[in-house]
Amino acid sequence: MASNQDHIETKKLVDHLFRHEAGRMVSMLTRVFGIDRIDLAEDVVQEALLKALQQWRFGQIPDNPSAWLMRVAKNQALDVLRREQSFTEKQESIAGEIEQPHSREDGMFDEEIRDDQLRMMFACCHPSIPPDSQIALTLKTLCGFSVTEIAKAFLTNEETIYKRLTRAKEKLREERIALEIPAGLQLASRRLSVLRTLYLLFNEGYKASHGEELVRRELCEEAIYLTRVLTEHSVGTTPAAYALLALMLLHAARFPARVNDDGSLLLLRNQDRSLWDQRLIAEGLRYLDLSASGEELTEYHLQAGIAACHCLAKSYEETNWKRILQLYDLLVGIDDSPIVLLNRAVAVAQVHGPEEGVRAVEELRGRKSLEGYHLLYAVLGEFYFELRRYEDAAQNFRRALQLTTVQAEQLFLSKKLEDILNIHLNYEAFIR
């Protein structure tokens, strides 16, 4: 009989495979069935993952879990085919394609999967689908995002995301959109949405919107993998794609130092920089150089430039904050979203002092999308702490603690709040 620990480990494995394999399997099956049957592809892949969770919990994990999942999904798809009259004429050719004895170790098949994923990315980002729905569809279908995760990424509610996904799939069916990589003028517009989707995928992994872990590496790794797929194809050799890959790699280099031994968040100033991955930093800087090959300047260039400033600083004190603020000022001209403006406020405080930082944040308080955003209050709390306005600092950290659902951030904020209250008591006793 399997132990509870075995069941936990099995669930972790299935979750990991879901992130790394689901999108690839859905891509392959959608190519076979047609994009109008995308729900069918998702359903059979989901069924395969459920079977894995049921069977592997008894310790019967196959030697090649990925191949097992693919085989079960294919068999499930064939069962569906045999029950559907509308597929009678196509059944033989489709069944033959599904039953091809491909192996994940087969380099040709691996290349085929990569092409399938690339086609799926561009199909989901068809111009007849609204931009937000394009991204939601790609995150759900190709990247395995839940509706909750997508809602968090868009700072909206789940009902809105359900509607976007439903309408997007209806549009795919109604217009019989082909699963292909576009050419000419169509390529540029879709590529922008593909890049935005990959950016949001990485962001959800870099700072999870919910759960026990702050960093969800499997999401970041999948985003990096898919961005590499794009940049290694002729359609993706663009400055913007190179800049996005540079941004991801430079952020990923700091993963080993972002969380303390107890699982709590470590701010940049407290991170052990010797733990940063110098190989990823070098690779990120190389792609940042490649991104400068044209006249294009995107948000990814500027954000990668900011990340490079942090990675190249030998210590927190030596960080070139003036340069970072200059880059944020340029970024606001491209993207004046509340999150970007909040990050800029941090740079303002570093260059001009915490009072100016508070002023920059207060200008954002009217933004409805930030009302429930815990980092708004965490940033304000930090500024007030530096100004020795301990009651204001504690009030904002309490609000931030109420709003975050990520355990690593909860631990950090609880410790910060406790430290502030102790300092405040000692400070009050000192000045009496």
Protein backbone atom coordinates (compact mmCIF):
# COMPACT_ATOMS: atom_id res chain seq x y z
CA MET A 1 0.00 0.00 0.00
CA ALA A 2 1.38 3.38 -0.97
CA SER A 3 2.23 5.84 1.80
CA ASN A 4 0.91 9.37 2.01
CA GLN A 5 4.38 10.60 1.08
CA ASP A 6 4.29 8.46 -2.09
CA HIS A 7 0.96 10.04 -3.01
CA ILE A 8 2.38 13.53 -2.45
CA GLU A 9 5.42 12.76 -4.61
CA THR A 10 3.19 11.29 -7.33
CA LYS A 11 1.02 14.42 -7.33
CA LYS A 12 4.14 16.59 -7.63
CA LEU A 13 5.34 14.52 -10.59
CA VAL A 14 1.95 14.73 -12.33
CA ASP A 15 1.80 18.50 -11.69
CA HIS A 16 5.29 18.84 -13.13
CA LEU A 17 4.41 16.78 -16.21
CA PHE A 18 1.19 18.75 -16.63
CA ARG A 19 3.20 21.95 -16.97
CA HIS A 20 5.84 20.42 -19.24
CA GLU A 21 3.83 17.96 -21.33
CA ALA A 22 0.17 19.04 -21.48
CA GLY A 23 0.71 21.90 -23.90
CA ARG A 24 2.89 19.76 -26.15
CA MET A 25 0.35 16.95 -26.26
CA VAL A 26 -2.54 19.33 -26.87
CA SER A 27 -0.55 20.93 -29.71
CA MET A 28 0.12 17.60 -31.39
CA LEU A 29 -3.46 16.33 -31.02
CA THR A 30 -4.94 19.63 -32.19
CA ARG A 31 -2.87 19.41 -35.37
CA VAL A 32 -4.32 15.94 -35.95
CA PHE A 33 -7.96 16.72 -35.10
CA GLY A 34 -8.07 20.31 -36.31
CA ILE A 35 -8.18 23.45 -34.21
CA ASP A 36 -11.98 23.41 -34.18
CA ARG A 37 -11.68 20.35 -31.92
CA ILE A 38 -9.33 21.97 -29.43
CA ASP A 39 -11.69 21.04 -26.57
CA LEU A 40 -11.34 17.37 -27.51
CA ALA A 41 -7.55 17.59 -27.43
CA GLU A 42 -7.66 19.26 -24.00
CA ASP A 43 -10.11 16.68 -22.67
CA VAL A 44 -8.10 13.61 -23.66
CA VAL A 45 -4.89 15.11 -22.26
CA GLN A 46 -6.70 15.91 -18.99
CA GLU A 47 -8.00 12.33 -18.87
CA ALA A 48 -4.47 11.00 -19.34
CA LEU A 49 -3.22 13.11 -16.44
CA LEU A 50 -6.06 11.92 -14.20
CA LYS A 51 -5.26 8.30 -15.04
CA ALA A 52 -1.62 8.96 -14.19
CA LEU A 53 -2.61 10.38 -10.81
CA GLN A 54 -4.79 7.34 -10.10
CA GLN A 55 -2.39 4.60 -11.25
CA TRP A 56 0.97 6.02 -10.22
CA ARG A 57 -0.04 6.63 -6.61
CA PHE A 58 0.55 2.92 -5.96
CA GLY A 59 4.20 3.35 -6.86
CA GLN A 60 3.79 2.09 -10.43
CA ILE A 61 5.47 5.02 -12.13
CA PRO A 62 6.66 4.06 -15.64
CA ASP A 63 10.29 4.46 -16.72
CA ASN A 64 9.28 7.12 -19.24
CA PRO A 65 6.32 9.05 -17.77
CA SER A 66 6.14 11.45 -20.73
CA ALA A 67 5.83 8.64 -23.27
CA TRP A 68 3.21 6.93 -21.06
CA LEU A 69 1.10 10.08 -20.97
CA MET A 70 1.34 10.54 -24.73
CA ARG A 71 0.33 6.93 -25.37
CA VAL A 72 -2.68 7.12 -23.02
CA ALA A 73 -3.80 10.41 -24.58
CA LYS A 74 -3.55 8.91 -28.07
CA ASN A 75 -5.57 5.85 -27.04
CA GLN A 76 -8.19 8.06 -25.45
CA ALA A 77 -8.37 10.10 -28.65
CA LEU A 78 -8.85 6.94 -30.74
CA ASP A 79 -11.67 5.79 -28.46
CA VAL A 80 -13.42 9.11 -29.05
CA LEU A 81 -12.90 8.78 -32.81
CA ARG A 82 -14.50 5.36 -32.94
CA ARG A 83 -17.63 6.68 -31.21
CA GLU A 84 -18.15 9.66 -33.51
CA GLN A 85 -19.97 9.16 -36.81
CA SER A 86 -18.69 12.45 -38.20
CA PHE A 87 -15.14 11.09 -38.19
CA THR A 88 -15.93 7.89 -40.10
CA GLU A 89 -14.35 9.07 -43.34
CA LYS A 90 -11.29 10.57 -41.67
CA GLN A 91 -10.87 7.87 -39.05
CA GLU A 92 -8.36 5.71 -40.91
CA SER A 93 -5.97 8.52 -41.83
CA ILE A 94 -6.22 10.20 -38.42
CA ALA A 95 -5.85 6.94 -36.53
CA GLY A 96 -2.79 6.12 -38.63
CA GLU A 97 -1.19 9.43 -37.77
CA ILE A 98 -1.97 9.11 -34.07
CA GLU A 99 -0.64 5.55 -33.90
CA GLN A 100 2.75 6.37 -35.43
CA PRO A 101 5.36 4.88 -33.07
CA HIS A 102 7.06 8.15 -32.22
CA SER A 103 9.35 8.39 -29.22
CA ARG A 104 10.32 11.49 -27.26
CA GLU A 105 13.92 10.40 -27.72
CA ASP A 106 13.44 10.66 -31.49
CA GLY A 107 15.01 13.97 -32.55
CA MET A 108 12.71 14.31 -35.56
CA PHE A 109 9.61 13.93 -33.38
CA ASP A 110 10.99 16.41 -30.85
CA GLU A 111 11.36 18.92 -33.69
CA GLU A 112 7.81 18.09 -34.83
CA ILE A 113 6.46 18.81 -31.34
CA ARG A 114 8.27 22.17 -31.29
CA ASP A 115 6.70 23.08 -34.65
CA ASP A 116 3.27 22.03 -33.36
CA GLN A 117 3.66 24.29 -30.34
CA LEU A 118 4.77 27.21 -32.46
CA ARG A 119 1.80 26.77 -34.81
CA MET A 120 -0.51 26.57 -31.80
CA MET A 121 0.89 29.80 -30.34
CA PHE A 122 0.23 31.71 -33.55
CA ALA A 123 -3.20 30.14 -34.09
CA CYS A 124 -4.35 31.14 -30.61
CA CYS A 125 -3.17 34.69 -31.34
CA HIS A 126 -5.31 35.09 -34.49
CA PRO A 127 -6.27 38.76 -35.11
CA SER A 128 -10.01 37.99 -35.21
CA ILE A 129 -9.76 37.13 -31.49
CA PRO A 130 -9.48 40.13 -29.10
CA PRO A 131 -5.91 40.54 -27.72
CA ASP A 132 -6.80 39.70 -24.09
CA SER A 133 -8.67 36.59 -25.26
CA GLN A 134 -5.72 35.55 -27.44
CA ILE A 135 -3.44 35.57 -24.44
CA ALA A 136 -5.96 33.85 -22.15
CA LEU A 137 -6.49 31.08 -24.72
CA THR A 138 -2.76 30.48 -25.15
CA LEU A 139 -2.14 30.47 -21.39
CA LYS A 140 -4.97 27.96 -20.89
CA THR A 141 -4.33 25.66 -23.85
CA LEU A 142 -0.61 25.71 -24.46
CA CYS A 143 0.76 26.57 -21.04
CA GLY A 144 -1.63 24.72 -18.74
CA PHE A 145 -2.77 27.79 -16.77
CA SER A 146 -5.88 27.48 -14.64
CA VAL A 147 -8.65 30.07 -14.96
CA THR A 148 -7.67 31.36 -11.50
CA GLU A 149 -4.05 31.91 -12.58
CA ILE A 150 -5.12 33.71 -15.76
CA ALA A 151 -7.47 35.95 -13.77
CA LYS A 152 -4.60 36.85 -11.43
CA ALA A 153 -2.33 37.61 -14.38
CA PHE A 154 -4.93 40.02 -15.80
CA LEU A 155 -5.90 41.44 -12.39
CA THR A 156 -9.52 40.50 -13.11
CA ASN A 157 -12.11 37.91 -12.01
CA GLU A 158 -12.59 34.29 -13.08
CA GLU A 159 -15.98 34.87 -14.71
CA THR A 160 -14.41 37.35 -17.12
CA ILE A 161 -11.75 34.82 -18.08
CA TYR A 162 -14.33 32.05 -18.61
CA LYS A 163 -16.19 34.33 -21.03
CA ARG A 164 -13.01 35.22 -22.91
CA LEU A 165 -12.04 31.58 -23.32
CA THR A 166 -15.52 30.55 -24.48
CA ARG A 167 -15.72 33.34 -27.05
CA ALA A 168 -12.20 32.66 -28.31
CA LYS A 169 -12.93 28.96 -28.91
CA GLU A 170 -16.21 29.83 -30.61
CA LYS A 171 -14.30 32.15 -32.94
CA LEU A 172 -11.82 29.37 -33.76
CA ARG A 173 -14.70 27.08 -34.73
CA GLU A 174 -16.76 29.67 -36.59
CA GLU A 175 -13.93 30.97 -38.73
CA ARG A 176 -12.24 27.57 -39.20
CA ILE A 177 -8.91 29.14 -38.32
CA ALA A 178 -5.99 27.12 -39.68
CA LEU A 179 -3.30 25.77 -37.38
CA GLU A 180 -0.39 27.41 -39.16
CA ILE A 181 2.32 30.03 -38.83
CA PRO A 182 1.19 33.12 -40.77
CA ALA A 183 3.31 35.06 -43.20
CA GLY A 184 3.71 38.67 -44.24
CA LEU A 185 1.78 41.39 -42.43
CA GLN A 186 -0.23 38.86 -40.38
CA LEU A 187 2.92 37.55 -38.74
CA ALA A 188 3.95 40.78 -36.99
CA SER A 189 0.62 41.38 -35.23
CA ARG A 190 0.33 37.82 -33.98
CA ARG A 191 3.94 37.73 -32.86
CA LEU A 192 3.32 40.62 -30.45
CA SER A 193 0.55 38.63 -28.74
CA VAL A 194 2.74 35.51 -28.61
CA LEU A 195 5.48 37.47 -26.86
CA ARG A 196 3.01 38.99 -24.40
CA THR A 197 1.67 35.55 -23.55
CA LEU A 198 5.14 34.17 -22.88
CA TYR A 199 5.91 37.22 -20.75
CA LEU A 200 2.82 36.65 -18.57
CA LEU A 201 3.65 32.95 -18.25
CA PHE A 202 7.11 33.77 -16.92
CA ASN A 203 5.72 36.42 -14.57
CA GLU A 204 3.32 33.95 -12.94
CA GLY A 205 6.25 31.64 -12.28
CA TYR A 206 8.65 34.37 -11.15
CA LYS A 207 6.21 35.66 -8.53
CA ALA A 208 3.33 33.26 -8.08
CA SER A 209 -0.11 34.80 -7.54
CA HIS A 210 -1.11 32.14 -4.99
CA GLY A 211 0.12 28.98 -3.26
CA GLU A 212 2.90 28.01 -0.90
CA GLU A 213 5.88 28.85 -3.12
CA LEU A 214 6.91 32.32 -4.25
CA VAL A 215 8.82 31.00 -7.27
CA ARG A 216 7.21 28.36 -9.50
CA ARG A 217 10.21 27.31 -11.51
CA GLU A 218 8.32 24.93 -13.78
CA LEU A 219 6.34 27.86 -15.21
CA CYS A 220 9.48 29.93 -15.76
CA GLU A 221 11.26 26.99 -17.36
CA GLU A 222 8.30 26.42 -19.70
CA ALA A 223 8.24 30.11 -20.64
CA ILE A 224 11.99 30.07 -21.35
CA TYR A 225 11.62 26.85 -23.36
CA LEU A 226 8.77 28.26 -25.49
CA THR A 227 10.62 31.53 -26.05
CA ARG A 228 13.66 29.58 -27.21
CA VAL A 229 11.37 27.64 -29.58
CA LEU A 230 10.31 30.99 -31.01
CA THR A 231 13.79 32.51 -31.32
CA GLU A 232 15.21 29.37 -32.93
CA HIS A 233 12.65 29.63 -35.75
CA SER A 234 13.02 32.19 -38.55
CA VAL A 235 9.73 33.86 -37.52
CA GLY A 236 11.11 34.65 -34.08
CA THR A 237 14.57 36.05 -34.79
CA THR A 238 13.53 39.57 -33.84
CA PRO A 239 14.95 42.13 -31.39
CA ALA A 240 11.81 41.93 -29.23
CA ALA A 241 11.99 38.13 -28.91
CA TYR A 242 15.70 38.27 -28.06
CA ALA A 243 15.03 40.97 -25.47
CA LEU A 244 12.26 38.92 -23.86
CA LEU A 245 14.50 35.86 -23.63
CA ALA A 246 17.25 38.04 -22.13
CA LEU A 247 14.80 39.36 -19.52
CA MET A 248 13.73 35.83 -18.55
CA LEU A 249 17.29 34.52 -18.26
CA LEU A 250 18.50 37.48 -16.19
CA HIS A 251 15.59 37.08 -13.77
CA ALA A 252 16.00 33.29 -13.61
CA ALA A 253 19.67 33.73 -12.68
CA ARG A 254 18.57 35.14 -9.29
CA PHE A 255 16.26 32.26 -8.35
CA PRO A 256 18.67 30.54 -5.90
CA ALA A 257 18.81 33.65 -3.71
CA ARG A 258 15.18 34.85 -3.72
CA VAL A 259 13.88 32.73 -0.84
CA ASN A 260 15.27 32.20 2.67
CA ASP A 261 15.83 28.80 4.31
CA ASP A 262 12.42 29.07 6.02
CA GLY A 263 10.72 29.72 2.68
CA SER A 264 10.21 33.45 3.24
CA LEU A 265 10.91 36.12 0.63
CA LEU A 266 14.35 37.74 0.49
CA LEU A 267 14.45 41.30 -0.83
CA LEU A 268 17.09 42.19 -3.40
CA ARG A 269 19.21 44.05 -0.83
CA ASN A 270 19.38 40.92 1.37
CA GLN A 271 20.15 38.35 -1.32
CA ASP A 272 23.46 36.46 -1.41
CA ARG A 273 24.74 37.45 -4.84
CA SER A 274 27.30 34.65 -4.87
CA LEU A 275 24.32 32.31 -5.39
CA TRP A 276 23.26 34.03 -8.61
CA ASP A 277 23.75 31.84 -11.68
CA GLN A 278 26.57 33.50 -13.63
CA ARG A 279 26.03 31.21 -16.63
CA LEU A 280 22.45 32.43 -17.04
CA ILE A 281 23.54 36.03 -16.53
CA ALA A 282 26.13 35.69 -19.31
CA GLU A 283 23.57 34.08 -21.61
CA GLY A 284 21.02 36.77 -20.81
CA LEU A 285 23.53 39.53 -21.58
CA ARG A 286 24.34 37.81 -24.89
CA TYR A 287 20.68 37.84 -25.92
CA LEU A 288 20.40 41.46 -24.75
CA ASP A 289 23.25 42.30 -27.16
CA LEU A 290 21.42 40.45 -29.95
CA SER A 291 18.27 42.46 -29.20
CA ALA A 292 20.13 45.67 -30.06
CA SER A 293 20.51 44.59 -33.69
CA GLY A 294 17.70 46.83 -34.97
CA GLU A 295 16.05 50.17 -34.27
CA GLU A 296 13.17 48.60 -32.32
CA LEU A 297 12.83 49.51 -28.64
CA THR A 298 10.22 47.54 -26.69
CA GLU A 299 9.18 47.12 -23.08
CA TYR A 300 11.20 43.91 -23.05
CA HIS A 301 14.38 45.78 -23.99
CA LEU A 302 13.89 48.25 -21.16
CA GLN A 303 12.94 45.63 -18.57
CA ALA A 304 15.91 43.47 -19.60
CA GLY A 305 18.12 46.54 -19.27
CA ILE A 306 16.83 47.09 -15.72
CA ALA A 307 17.45 43.42 -14.88
CA ALA A 308 20.98 43.71 -16.31
CA CYS A 309 21.69 46.71 -14.03
CA HIS A 310 20.82 44.56 -11.02
CA CYS A 311 22.80 41.53 -12.23
CA LEU A 312 25.93 43.57 -12.99
CA ALA A 313 25.98 45.37 -9.61
CA LYS A 314 28.49 43.76 -7.24
CA SER A 315 26.38 44.80 -4.27
CA TYR A 316 23.03 46.43 -3.56
CA GLU A 317 24.78 49.68 -2.62
CA GLU A 318 26.60 49.75 -5.98
CA THR A 319 23.39 49.42 -8.01
CA ASN A 320 23.08 52.13 -10.66
CA TRP A 321 19.65 53.38 -9.55
CA LYS A 322 19.88 56.56 -11.63
CA ARG A 323 20.22 54.44 -14.76
CA ILE A 324 17.36 52.20 -13.60
CA LEU A 325 15.12 55.25 -13.07
CA GLN A 326 16.01 56.51 -16.56
CA LEU A 327 14.98 53.14 -18.00
CA TYR A 328 11.71 53.21 -16.04
CA ASP A 329 10.97 56.71 -17.34
CA LEU A 330 11.39 55.38 -20.88
CA LEU A 331 9.30 52.31 -20.04
CA VAL A 332 6.40 54.44 -18.79
CA GLY A 333 6.28 55.98 -22.26
CA ILE A 334 5.55 52.51 -23.67
CA ASP A 335 3.64 50.92 -20.79
CA ASP A 336 2.15 53.16 -18.10
CA SER A 337 0.43 50.27 -16.33
CA PRO A 338 0.00 50.55 -12.54
CA ILE A 339 2.56 47.77 -11.94
CA VAL A 340 5.25 49.55 -13.97
CA LEU A 341 4.50 52.85 -12.21
CA LEU A 342 4.72 51.12 -8.82
CA ASN A 343 8.12 49.65 -9.72
CA ARG A 344 9.22 53.09 -10.90
CA ALA A 345 8.25 54.50 -7.49
CA VAL A 346 10.78 52.15 -5.89
CA ALA A 347 13.50 53.53 -8.17
CA VAL A 348 12.35 57.10 -7.39
CA ALA A 349 12.77 56.40 -3.67
CA GLN A 350 16.28 55.02 -4.23
CA VAL A 351 17.37 58.11 -6.15
CA HIS A 352 15.40 60.92 -4.46
CA GLY A 353 14.51 59.48 -1.05
CA PRO A 354 11.50 57.70 0.52
CA GLU A 355 9.35 60.86 0.74
CA GLU A 356 9.41 61.15 -3.05
CA GLY A 357 8.71 57.42 -3.21
CA VAL A 358 5.57 57.89 -1.07
CA ARG A 359 4.46 60.75 -3.29
CA ALA A 360 4.90 58.61 -6.42
CA VAL A 361 2.86 55.76 -4.89
CA GLU A 362 0.10 58.05 -3.62
CA GLU A 363 -0.45 59.23 -7.19
CA LEU A 364 -1.44 55.63 -8.00
CA ARG A 365 -3.92 55.15 -5.18
CA GLY A 366 -6.88 55.97 -7.40
CA ARG A 367 -6.12 53.11 -9.80
CA LYS A 368 -8.93 50.60 -9.24
CA SER A 369 -6.81 47.62 -10.38
CA LEU A 370 -4.33 48.32 -7.56
CA GLU A 371 -6.83 48.53 -4.70
CA GLY A 372 -6.43 44.84 -3.90
CA TYR A 373 -2.78 44.56 -4.93
CA HIS A 374 -0.72 43.69 -1.86
CA LEU A 375 2.57 45.05 -3.21
CA LEU A 376 1.16 48.58 -3.29
CA TYR A 377 0.86 48.46 0.50
CA ALA A 378 4.12 46.57 0.99
CA VAL A 379 6.03 49.24 -0.96
CA LEU A 380 4.34 52.04 0.98
CA GLY A 381 5.08 50.23 4.23
CA GLU A 382 8.77 50.05 3.32
CA PHE A 383 8.91 53.77 2.53
CA TYR A 384 7.19 54.71 5.79
CA PHE A 385 9.54 52.43 7.71
CA GLU A 386 12.53 54.27 6.23
CA LEU A 387 10.91 57.56 7.27
CA ARG A 388 10.44 56.20 10.84
CA ARG A 389 6.68 56.59 10.51
CA TYR A 390 6.22 53.23 12.17
CA GLU A 391 2.45 53.34 12.70
CA ASP A 392 1.87 54.10 9.01
CA ALA A 393 4.36 51.39 8.07
CA ALA A 394 2.62 48.81 10.28
CA GLN A 395 -0.82 49.75 8.92
CA ASN A 396 0.32 49.21 5.31
CA PHE A 397 2.14 45.96 6.04
CA ARG A 398 -0.99 44.64 7.79
CA ARG A 399 -3.04 45.45 4.70
CA ALA A 400 -0.47 43.76 2.45
CA LEU A 401 -0.54 40.68 4.68
CA GLN A 402 -4.33 40.51 4.43
CA LEU A 403 -4.21 40.60 0.64
CA THR A 404 -1.44 38.15 -0.27
CA THR A 405 -2.12 34.41 -0.49
CA VAL A 406 1.49 33.37 -1.17
CA GLN A 407 3.02 31.71 1.88
CA ALA A 408 6.55 33.04 1.23
CA GLU A 409 5.24 36.60 1.20
CA GLN A 410 3.06 36.00 4.25
CA LEU A 411 6.13 34.84 6.20
CA PHE A 412 8.11 37.87 5.08
CA LEU A 413 5.36 40.36 5.89
CA SER A 414 4.62 38.80 9.29
CA LYS A 415 8.30 39.04 10.25
CA LYS A 416 8.48 42.60 8.95
CA LEU A 417 5.40 43.61 10.91
CA GLU A 418 6.78 42.03 14.08
CA ASP A 419 10.12 43.85 13.66
CA ILE A 420 8.39 47.19 13.07
CA LEU A 421 6.22 46.86 16.17
CA ASN A 422 9.28 46.02 18.30
CA ILE A 423 11.25 48.95 16.86
CA HIS A 424 8.27 51.26 17.36
CA LEU A 425 7.95 50.31 21.03
CA ASN A 426 11.67 50.84 21.63
CA TYR A 427 11.59 54.13 19.69
CA GLU A 428 8.63 55.44 21.72
CA ALA A 429 10.37 54.48 24.96
CA PHE A 430 13.57 56.22 23.82
CA ILE A 431 11.99 59.57 22.98
CA ARG A 432 9.92 59.79 26.18
